[in-house]
């Protein structure tokens, strides 16, 4: 998945303010370790077996 955002959107990727495009994959661990965050919340990318995209 490609995430596109501006710094004004308030997202962080790997703990850093984010603006631009970044390719992200499914998060393999706990939601608290997800790469993308919005404030205190985490945005988790999931893969569901047997489901189309």
C-alpha atoms as a PDB file:
ATOM      1  CA  UNK A   1       0.000   0.000   0.000  1.00  0.00           C
ATOM      2  CA  UNK A   2       1.214   3.531  -0.692  1.00  0.00           C
ATOM      3  CA  UNK A   3       0.369   6.174   1.897  1.00  0.00           C
ATOM      4  CA  UNK A   4       0.187   9.783   0.692  1.00  0.00           C
ATOM      5  CA  UNK A   5      -0.147  12.628   3.197  1.00  0.00           C
ATOM      6  CA  UNK A   6       0.993  16.143   3.984  1.00  0.00           C
ATOM      7  CA  UNK A   7       2.590  17.202   7.262  1.00  0.00           C
ATOM      8  CA  UNK A   8      -0.629  19.109   8.005  1.00  0.00           C
ATOM      9  CA  UNK A   9      -2.449  15.732   8.161  1.00  0.00           C
ATOM     10  CA  UNK A  10      -0.636  15.032  11.443  1.00  0.00           C
ATOM     11  CA  UNK A  11       0.605  11.530  10.659  1.00  0.00           C
ATOM     12  CA  UNK A  12       3.905  10.078  11.776  1.00  0.00           C
ATOM     13  CA  UNK A  13       5.790   7.198  10.170  1.00  0.00           C
ATOM     14  CA  UNK A  14       8.435   5.432  12.241  1.00  0.00           C
ATOM     15  CA  UNK A  15       8.047   8.164  14.880  1.00  0.00           C
ATOM     16  CA  UNK A  16       8.789  11.065  12.502  1.00  0.00           C
ATOM     17  CA  UNK A  17       6.411  13.712  11.113  1.00  0.00           C
ATOM     18  CA  UNK A  18       5.383  12.637   7.649  1.00  0.00           C
ATOM     19  CA  UNK A  19       4.648  14.397   4.395  1.00  0.00           C
ATOM     20  CA  UNK A  20       4.924  12.735   0.977  1.00  0.00           C
ATOM     21  CA  UNK A  21       4.540   9.132  -0.121  1.00  0.00           C
ATOM     22  CA  UNK A  22       5.736   5.978   1.587  1.00  0.00           C
ATOM     23  CA  UNK A  23       5.163   2.327   0.760  1.00  0.00           C
ATOM     24  CA  UNK A  24       3.920   0.383   3.779  1.00  0.00           C
ATOM     25  CA  UNK A  25       3.283  -3.325   4.186  1.00  0.00           C
ATOM     26  CA  UNK A  26       1.141  -5.308   6.598  1.00  0.00           C
ATOM     27  CA  UNK A  27       2.098  -4.852  10.233  1.00  0.00           C
ATOM     28  CA  UNK A  28       3.234  -8.249  11.536  1.00  0.00           C
ATOM     29  CA  UNK A  29       3.087  -7.504  15.246  1.00  0.00           C
ATOM     30  CA  UNK A  30       0.935  -5.730  17.794  1.00  0.00           C
ATOM     31  CA  UNK A  31      -1.007  -2.592  16.842  1.00  0.00           C
ATOM     32  CA  UNK A  32       1.096  -0.633  19.340  1.00  0.00           C
ATOM     33  CA  UNK A  33       4.141  -1.310  17.126  1.00  0.00           C
ATOM     34  CA  UNK A  34       2.505  -0.161  13.860  1.00  0.00           C
ATOM     35  CA  UNK A  35       4.680   2.177  11.761  1.00  0.00           C
ATOM     36  CA  UNK A  36       1.950   4.782  11.096  1.00  0.00           C
ATOM     37  CA  UNK A  37       0.345   6.852  13.846  1.00  0.00           C
ATOM     38  CA  UNK A  38      -2.137   9.691  14.161  1.00  0.00           C
ATOM     39  CA  UNK A  39      -1.666  11.253  17.562  1.00  0.00           C
ATOM     40  CA  UNK A  40      -1.968   8.448  20.107  1.00  0.00           C
ATOM     41  CA  UNK A  41      -3.737   6.152  17.640  1.00  0.00           C
ATOM     42  CA  UNK A  42      -2.041   3.652  15.366  1.00  0.00           C
ATOM     43  CA  UNK A  43      -3.081   2.915  11.782  1.00  0.00           C
ATOM     44  CA  UNK A  44      -2.639  -0.791  11.180  1.00  0.00           C
ATOM     45  CA  UNK A  45      -2.369  -2.446   7.769  1.00  0.00           C
ATOM     46  CA  UNK A  46      -3.911  -5.929   7.806  1.00  0.00           C
ATOM     47  CA  UNK A  47      -3.804  -8.798   5.355  1.00  0.00           C
ATOM     48  CA  UNK A  48      -6.752 -11.145   5.447  1.00  0.00           C
ATOM     49  CA  UNK A  49      -6.267 -14.570   3.948  1.00  0.00           C
ATOM     50  CA  UNK A  50      -8.752 -15.549   1.288  1.00  0.00           C
ATOM     51  CA  UNK A  51      -9.856 -11.961   0.663  1.00  0.00           C
ATOM     52  CA  UNK A  52      -9.328 -10.023  -2.540  1.00  0.00           C
ATOM     53  CA  UNK A  53      -7.880  -6.519  -2.521  1.00  0.00           C
END
